[in-house]
Amino acid sequence: MTGTTPNSHLEALDQTEAGLSGGITGLTPSAALGLIEHWRTECANATDADLGEVSAGLGRLADLLGADRLDGRAIGETLRGLSETTTAAAASAVDERMTPRLERLGTLLASAARTLGS
């Protein structure tokens, strides 16, 4: 099915891709946390796909990024897990326009994880 993705999702996806394309530091912490919260909420509320695992991973990532002391290894492992679940979600996307976008996001998340040694 085409054309079912809201514009707000496409805009947030554009911001996420642009930020991650610049490497792990391409997003400020506040921008990253804002995008994480947007996606966590949207994934938790999704009715057309089971994105609970993605939502849970985003919650873990937000907790790690909001901690007083950042744990690069744990952040990298969480990013790697998000890469895997995002890539899996791409295969079952209801809106086929999202499949290549989600695959690219999965690749960007994997790259960020590798930067942190995961």
N, C-alpha and C. Protein backbone atom coordinates (compact mmCIF):
# COMPACT_ATOMS: atom_id res chain seq x y z
N MET A 1 0.85 -1.17 0.00
CA MET A 1 0.00 0.00 0.00
C MET A 1 0.90 1.24 0.00
N THR A 2 0.59 2.19 -0.81
CA THR A 2 1.38 3.42 -0.85
C THR A 2 0.61 4.57 -0.26
N GLY A 3 1.36 5.59 0.14
CA GLY A 3 0.75 6.83 0.57
C GLY A 3 0.11 6.80 1.95
N THR A 4 0.47 5.86 2.82
CA THR A 4 -0.15 5.79 4.13
C THR A 4 0.70 6.40 5.24
N THR A 5 1.90 6.81 4.94
CA THR A 5 2.79 7.36 5.95
C THR A 5 2.52 8.85 6.12
N PRO A 6 2.22 9.27 7.38
CA PRO A 6 1.96 10.70 7.62
C PRO A 6 3.20 11.55 7.32
N ASN A 7 2.97 12.78 6.89
CA ASN A 7 4.07 13.69 6.60
C ASN A 7 4.97 13.91 7.80
N SER A 8 4.41 13.93 9.01
CA SER A 8 5.24 14.13 10.21
C SER A 8 6.27 13.02 10.36
N HIS A 9 5.91 11.78 9.97
CA HIS A 9 6.85 10.68 10.03
C HIS A 9 7.95 10.86 8.99
N LEU A 10 7.57 11.29 7.80
CA LEU A 10 8.57 11.49 6.75
C LEU A 10 9.53 12.61 7.14
N GLU A 11 9.01 13.68 7.74
CA GLU A 11 9.87 14.79 8.18
C GLU A 11 10.82 14.34 9.29
N ALA A 12 10.31 13.57 10.25
CA ALA A 12 11.16 13.07 11.33
C ALA A 12 12.19 12.09 10.79
N LEU A 13 11.80 11.30 9.82
CA LEU A 13 12.75 10.37 9.19
C LEU A 13 13.84 11.15 8.45
N ASP A 14 13.46 12.21 7.75
CA ASP A 14 14.45 13.07 7.09
C ASP A 14 15.45 13.63 8.10
N GLN A 15 14.95 14.12 9.23
CA GLN A 15 15.83 14.67 10.27
C GLN A 15 16.74 13.61 10.85
N THR A 16 16.19 12.43 11.08
CA THR A 16 16.97 11.33 11.65
C THR A 16 18.07 10.91 10.69
N GLU A 17 17.72 10.71 9.43
CA GLU A 17 18.71 10.32 8.43
C GLU A 17 19.79 11.39 8.28
N ALA A 18 19.39 12.64 8.21
CA ALA A 18 20.37 13.73 8.06
C ALA A 18 21.32 13.77 9.24
N GLY A 19 20.79 13.64 10.43
CA GLY A 19 21.63 13.67 11.61
C GLY A 19 22.60 12.51 11.67
N LEU A 20 22.13 11.31 11.38
CA LEU A 20 23.00 10.14 11.43
C LEU A 20 23.96 10.07 10.26
N SER A 21 23.62 10.70 9.15
CA SER A 21 24.52 10.72 7.99
C SER A 21 25.81 11.46 8.31
N GLY A 22 25.74 12.39 9.25
CA GLY A 22 26.91 13.15 9.66
C GLY A 22 27.76 12.42 10.69
N GLY A 23 27.46 11.16 10.95
CA GLY A 23 28.19 10.41 11.96
C GLY A 23 27.47 10.47 13.29
N ILE A 24 28.03 9.81 14.26
CA ILE A 24 27.39 9.68 15.57
C ILE A 24 27.14 11.03 16.23
N THR A 25 27.94 12.03 15.90
CA THR A 25 27.77 13.35 16.52
C THR A 25 26.98 14.30 15.62
N GLY A 26 26.31 13.77 14.61
CA GLY A 26 25.54 14.60 13.69
C GLY A 26 24.30 15.21 14.30
N LEU A 27 23.89 14.70 15.46
CA LEU A 27 22.72 15.23 16.16
C LEU A 27 23.16 15.73 17.54
N THR A 28 22.62 16.86 17.94
CA THR A 28 22.87 17.30 19.30
C THR A 28 22.12 16.36 20.25
N PRO A 29 22.55 16.27 21.49
CA PRO A 29 21.83 15.40 22.42
C PRO A 29 20.34 15.74 22.54
N SER A 30 20.00 17.02 22.58
CA SER A 30 18.59 17.37 22.71
C SER A 30 17.81 17.01 21.45
N ALA A 31 18.40 17.20 20.28
CA ALA A 31 17.73 16.81 19.04
C ALA A 31 17.58 15.30 18.97
N ALA A 32 18.62 14.57 19.36
CA ALA A 32 18.56 13.11 19.36
C ALA A 32 17.45 12.62 20.29
N LEU A 33 17.40 13.18 21.49
CA LEU A 33 16.37 12.75 22.44
C LEU A 33 14.97 13.09 21.95
N GLY A 34 14.82 14.23 21.27
CA GLY A 34 13.52 14.59 20.70
C GLY A 34 13.08 13.61 19.63
N LEU A 35 14.00 13.25 18.75
CA LEU A 35 13.67 12.28 17.70
C LEU A 35 13.40 10.90 18.29
N ILE A 36 14.20 10.51 19.28
CA ILE A 36 14.00 9.21 19.91
C ILE A 36 12.60 9.15 20.52
N GLU A 37 12.21 10.20 21.22
CA GLU A 37 10.89 10.20 21.86
C GLU A 37 9.78 10.16 20.80
N HIS A 38 9.96 10.91 19.71
CA HIS A 38 8.97 10.88 18.63
C HIS A 38 8.80 9.45 18.12
N TRP A 39 9.91 8.80 17.78
CA TRP A 39 9.85 7.45 17.21
C TRP A 39 9.39 6.42 18.23
N ARG A 40 9.80 6.57 19.50
CA ARG A 40 9.38 5.63 20.53
C ARG A 40 7.86 5.66 20.67
N THR A 41 7.30 6.84 20.73
CA THR A 41 5.85 6.99 20.86
C THR A 41 5.14 6.44 19.63
N GLU A 42 5.62 6.79 18.45
CA GLU A 42 4.97 6.32 17.22
C GLU A 42 5.05 4.80 17.10
N CYS A 43 6.19 4.22 17.45
CA CYS A 43 6.33 2.76 17.37
C CYS A 43 5.43 2.08 18.39
N ALA A 44 5.34 2.64 19.58
CA ALA A 44 4.49 2.06 20.63
C ALA A 44 3.03 2.10 20.24
N ASN A 45 2.63 3.12 19.48
CA ASN A 45 1.23 3.29 19.09
C ASN A 45 0.89 2.68 17.73
N ALA A 46 1.85 2.10 17.05
CA ALA A 46 1.62 1.54 15.72
C ALA A 46 0.60 0.42 15.78
N THR A 47 -0.33 0.45 14.85
CA THR A 47 -1.34 -0.60 14.77
C THR A 47 -1.16 -1.46 13.52
N ASP A 48 -0.35 -0.99 12.57
CA ASP A 48 -0.20 -1.72 11.32
C ASP A 48 1.05 -2.58 11.29
N ALA A 49 1.83 -2.57 12.36
CA ALA A 49 3.03 -3.39 12.43
C ALA A 49 3.39 -3.57 13.89
N ASP A 50 4.10 -4.65 14.19
CA ASP A 50 4.56 -4.89 15.56
C ASP A 50 5.92 -4.24 15.73
N LEU A 51 5.90 -3.05 16.29
CA LEU A 51 7.13 -2.29 16.48
C LEU A 51 7.48 -2.15 17.96
N GLY A 52 6.95 -3.05 18.78
CA GLY A 52 7.22 -3.01 20.21
C GLY A 52 8.68 -3.13 20.54
N GLU A 53 9.39 -3.99 19.82
CA GLU A 53 10.83 -4.17 20.06
C GLU A 53 11.61 -2.91 19.71
N VAL A 54 11.22 -2.24 18.64
CA VAL A 54 11.86 -0.99 18.26
C VAL A 54 11.59 0.06 19.33
N SER A 55 10.34 0.15 19.78
CA SER A 55 9.99 1.11 20.81
C SER A 55 10.78 0.87 22.10
N ALA A 56 10.90 -0.39 22.49
CA ALA A 56 11.66 -0.72 23.70
C ALA A 56 13.13 -0.34 23.56
N GLY A 57 13.71 -0.61 22.40
CA GLY A 57 15.10 -0.24 22.14
C GLY A 57 15.30 1.26 22.18
N LEU A 58 14.35 1.99 21.66
CA LEU A 58 14.43 3.46 21.70
C LEU A 58 14.33 3.96 23.14
N GLY A 59 13.51 3.32 23.94
CA GLY A 59 13.42 3.68 25.35
C GLY A 59 14.74 3.46 26.06
N ARG A 60 15.39 2.31 25.79
CA ARG A 60 16.72 2.03 26.37
C ARG A 60 17.73 3.07 25.93
N LEU A 61 17.70 3.42 24.65
CA LEU A 61 18.63 4.42 24.13
C LEU A 61 18.42 5.77 24.80
N ALA A 62 17.18 6.18 24.97
CA ALA A 62 16.89 7.45 25.63
C ALA A 62 17.42 7.44 27.07
N ASP A 63 17.22 6.33 27.76
CA ASP A 63 17.72 6.22 29.13
C ASP A 63 19.24 6.32 29.17
N LEU A 64 19.90 5.65 28.24
CA LEU A 64 21.37 5.69 28.20
C LEU A 64 21.88 7.09 27.88
N LEU A 65 21.23 7.77 26.94
CA LEU A 65 21.67 9.11 26.56
C LEU A 65 21.34 10.16 27.63
N GLY A 66 20.37 9.88 28.46
CA GLY A 66 19.99 10.80 29.52
C GLY A 66 20.72 10.57 30.83
N ALA A 67 21.56 9.56 30.87
CA ALA A 67 22.28 9.23 32.10
C ALA A 67 23.34 10.28 32.41
N ASP A 68 23.69 10.38 33.68
CA ASP A 68 24.74 11.32 34.09
C ASP A 68 26.08 10.98 33.45
N ARG A 69 26.34 9.70 33.30
CA ARG A 69 27.59 9.24 32.69
C ARG A 69 27.25 8.36 31.50
N LEU A 70 27.74 8.72 30.32
CA LEU A 70 27.42 7.97 29.11
C LEU A 70 28.28 6.71 29.03
N ASP A 71 27.63 5.61 28.65
CA ASP A 71 28.30 4.31 28.48
C ASP A 71 28.31 4.00 26.98
N GLY A 72 29.43 4.36 26.33
CA GLY A 72 29.54 4.19 24.88
C GLY A 72 29.29 2.79 24.41
N ARG A 73 29.77 1.80 25.16
CA ARG A 73 29.58 0.40 24.77
C ARG A 73 28.09 0.03 24.80
N ALA A 74 27.39 0.42 25.86
CA ALA A 74 25.96 0.10 25.97
C ALA A 74 25.16 0.86 24.91
N ILE A 75 25.54 2.10 24.65
CA ILE A 75 24.86 2.87 23.60
C ILE A 75 25.08 2.19 22.25
N GLY A 76 26.31 1.77 21.97
CA GLY A 76 26.61 1.09 20.72
C GLY A 76 25.83 -0.21 20.56
N GLU A 77 25.74 -0.99 21.64
CA GLU A 77 24.99 -2.24 21.58
C GLU A 77 23.50 -1.98 21.32
N THR A 78 22.99 -0.94 21.95
CA THR A 78 21.58 -0.58 21.75
C THR A 78 21.35 -0.11 20.31
N LEU A 79 22.28 0.69 19.77
CA LEU A 79 22.18 1.12 18.38
C LEU A 79 22.23 -0.07 17.42
N ARG A 80 23.09 -1.05 17.73
CA ARG A 80 23.18 -2.25 16.89
C ARG A 80 21.86 -3.00 16.91
N GLY A 81 21.27 -3.15 18.10
CA GLY A 81 19.97 -3.82 18.20
C GLY A 81 18.88 -3.06 17.45
N LEU A 82 18.90 -1.73 17.56
CA LEU A 82 17.94 -0.92 16.82
C LEU A 82 18.14 -1.05 15.32
N SER A 83 19.38 -1.16 14.89
CA SER A 83 19.66 -1.37 13.47
C SER A 83 18.99 -2.65 12.98
N GLU A 84 19.16 -3.71 13.76
CA GLU A 84 18.59 -5.00 13.37
C GLU A 84 17.06 -4.97 13.35
N THR A 85 16.45 -4.37 14.38
CA THR A 85 14.99 -4.35 14.42
C THR A 85 14.41 -3.40 13.38
N THR A 86 15.13 -2.32 13.09
CA THR A 86 14.67 -1.38 12.06
C THR A 86 14.73 -2.03 10.68
N THR A 87 15.81 -2.75 10.42
CA THR A 87 15.94 -3.44 9.14
C THR A 87 14.86 -4.51 8.99
N ALA A 88 14.56 -5.22 10.07
CA ALA A 88 13.50 -6.23 10.03
C ALA A 88 12.15 -5.55 9.79
N ALA A 89 11.92 -4.39 10.41
CA ALA A 89 10.66 -3.66 10.21
C ALA A 89 10.52 -3.21 8.76
N ALA A 90 11.64 -2.91 8.12
CA ALA A 90 11.60 -2.46 6.73
C ALA A 90 10.97 -3.53 5.83
N ALA A 91 11.25 -4.78 6.14
CA ALA A 91 10.74 -5.88 5.32
C ALA A 91 9.23 -6.02 5.42
N SER A 92 8.65 -5.53 6.52
CA SER A 92 7.21 -5.68 6.68
C SER A 92 6.47 -4.35 6.66
N ALA A 93 7.11 -3.32 6.14
CA ALA A 93 6.47 -2.00 6.09
C ALA A 93 5.21 -2.03 5.24
N VAL A 94 4.14 -1.48 5.76
CA VAL A 94 2.87 -1.44 5.04
C VAL A 94 2.97 -0.50 3.85
N ASP A 95 3.63 0.63 4.05
CA ASP A 95 3.83 1.62 2.99
C ASP A 95 5.17 1.30 2.33
N GLU A 96 5.15 0.74 1.14
CA GLU A 96 6.40 0.29 0.51
C GLU A 96 7.39 1.41 0.24
N ARG A 97 6.93 2.65 0.27
CA ARG A 97 7.88 3.75 0.13
C ARG A 97 8.83 3.80 1.32
N MET A 98 8.39 3.24 2.44
CA MET A 98 9.19 3.27 3.66
C MET A 98 10.29 2.21 3.68
N THR A 99 10.14 1.15 2.91
CA THR A 99 11.11 0.05 2.97
C THR A 99 12.54 0.52 2.72
N PRO A 100 12.85 1.22 1.63
CA PRO A 100 14.25 1.65 1.43
C PRO A 100 14.70 2.68 2.47
N ARG A 101 13.77 3.49 2.93
CA ARG A 101 14.12 4.49 3.95
C ARG A 101 14.49 3.81 5.26
N LEU A 102 13.71 2.82 5.67
CA LEU A 102 14.00 2.10 6.90
C LEU A 102 15.28 1.27 6.77
N GLU A 103 15.50 0.70 5.57
CA GLU A 103 16.75 -0.03 5.35
C GLU A 103 17.94 0.90 5.50
N ARG A 104 17.84 2.10 4.93
CA ARG A 104 18.92 3.08 5.05
C ARG A 104 19.12 3.48 6.51
N LEU A 105 18.03 3.69 7.23
CA LEU A 105 18.14 4.04 8.64
C LEU A 105 18.82 2.91 9.41
N GLY A 106 18.48 1.67 9.10
CA GLY A 106 19.14 0.53 9.73
C GLY A 106 20.64 0.54 9.48
N THR A 107 21.03 0.87 8.25
CA THR A 107 22.44 0.96 7.90
C THR A 107 23.13 2.08 8.67
N LEU A 108 22.48 3.23 8.77
CA LEU A 108 23.05 4.36 9.52
C LEU A 108 23.19 4.03 11.00
N LEU A 109 22.21 3.34 11.57
CA LEU A 109 22.30 2.93 12.97
C LEU A 109 23.43 1.94 13.18
N ALA A 110 23.61 1.02 12.24
CA ALA A 110 24.71 0.06 12.34
C ALA A 110 26.07 0.77 12.27
N SER A 111 26.15 1.76 11.41
CA SER A 111 27.39 2.54 11.29
C SER A 111 27.70 3.27 12.60
N ALA A 112 26.67 3.86 13.20
CA ALA A 112 26.84 4.55 14.47
C ALA A 112 27.28 3.57 15.56
N ALA A 113 26.71 2.37 15.54
CA ALA A 113 27.11 1.34 16.51
C ALA A 113 28.57 0.96 16.33
N ARG A 114 28.99 0.79 15.09
CA ARG A 114 30.40 0.44 14.82
C ARG A 114 31.34 1.54 15.28
N THR A 115 30.93 2.78 15.16
CA THR A 115 31.74 3.90 15.63
C THR A 115 32.01 3.77 17.13
N LEU A 116 31.04 3.23 17.84
CA LEU A 116 31.18 3.06 19.29
C LEU A 116 31.73 1.69 19.65
N GLY A 117 32.18 0.95 18.67
CA GLY A 117 32.82 -0.34 18.92
C GLY A 117 31.89 -1.51 19.08
N SER A 118 30.66 -1.39 18.63
CA SER A 118 29.71 -2.52 18.75
C SER A 118 29.39 -3.09 17.40
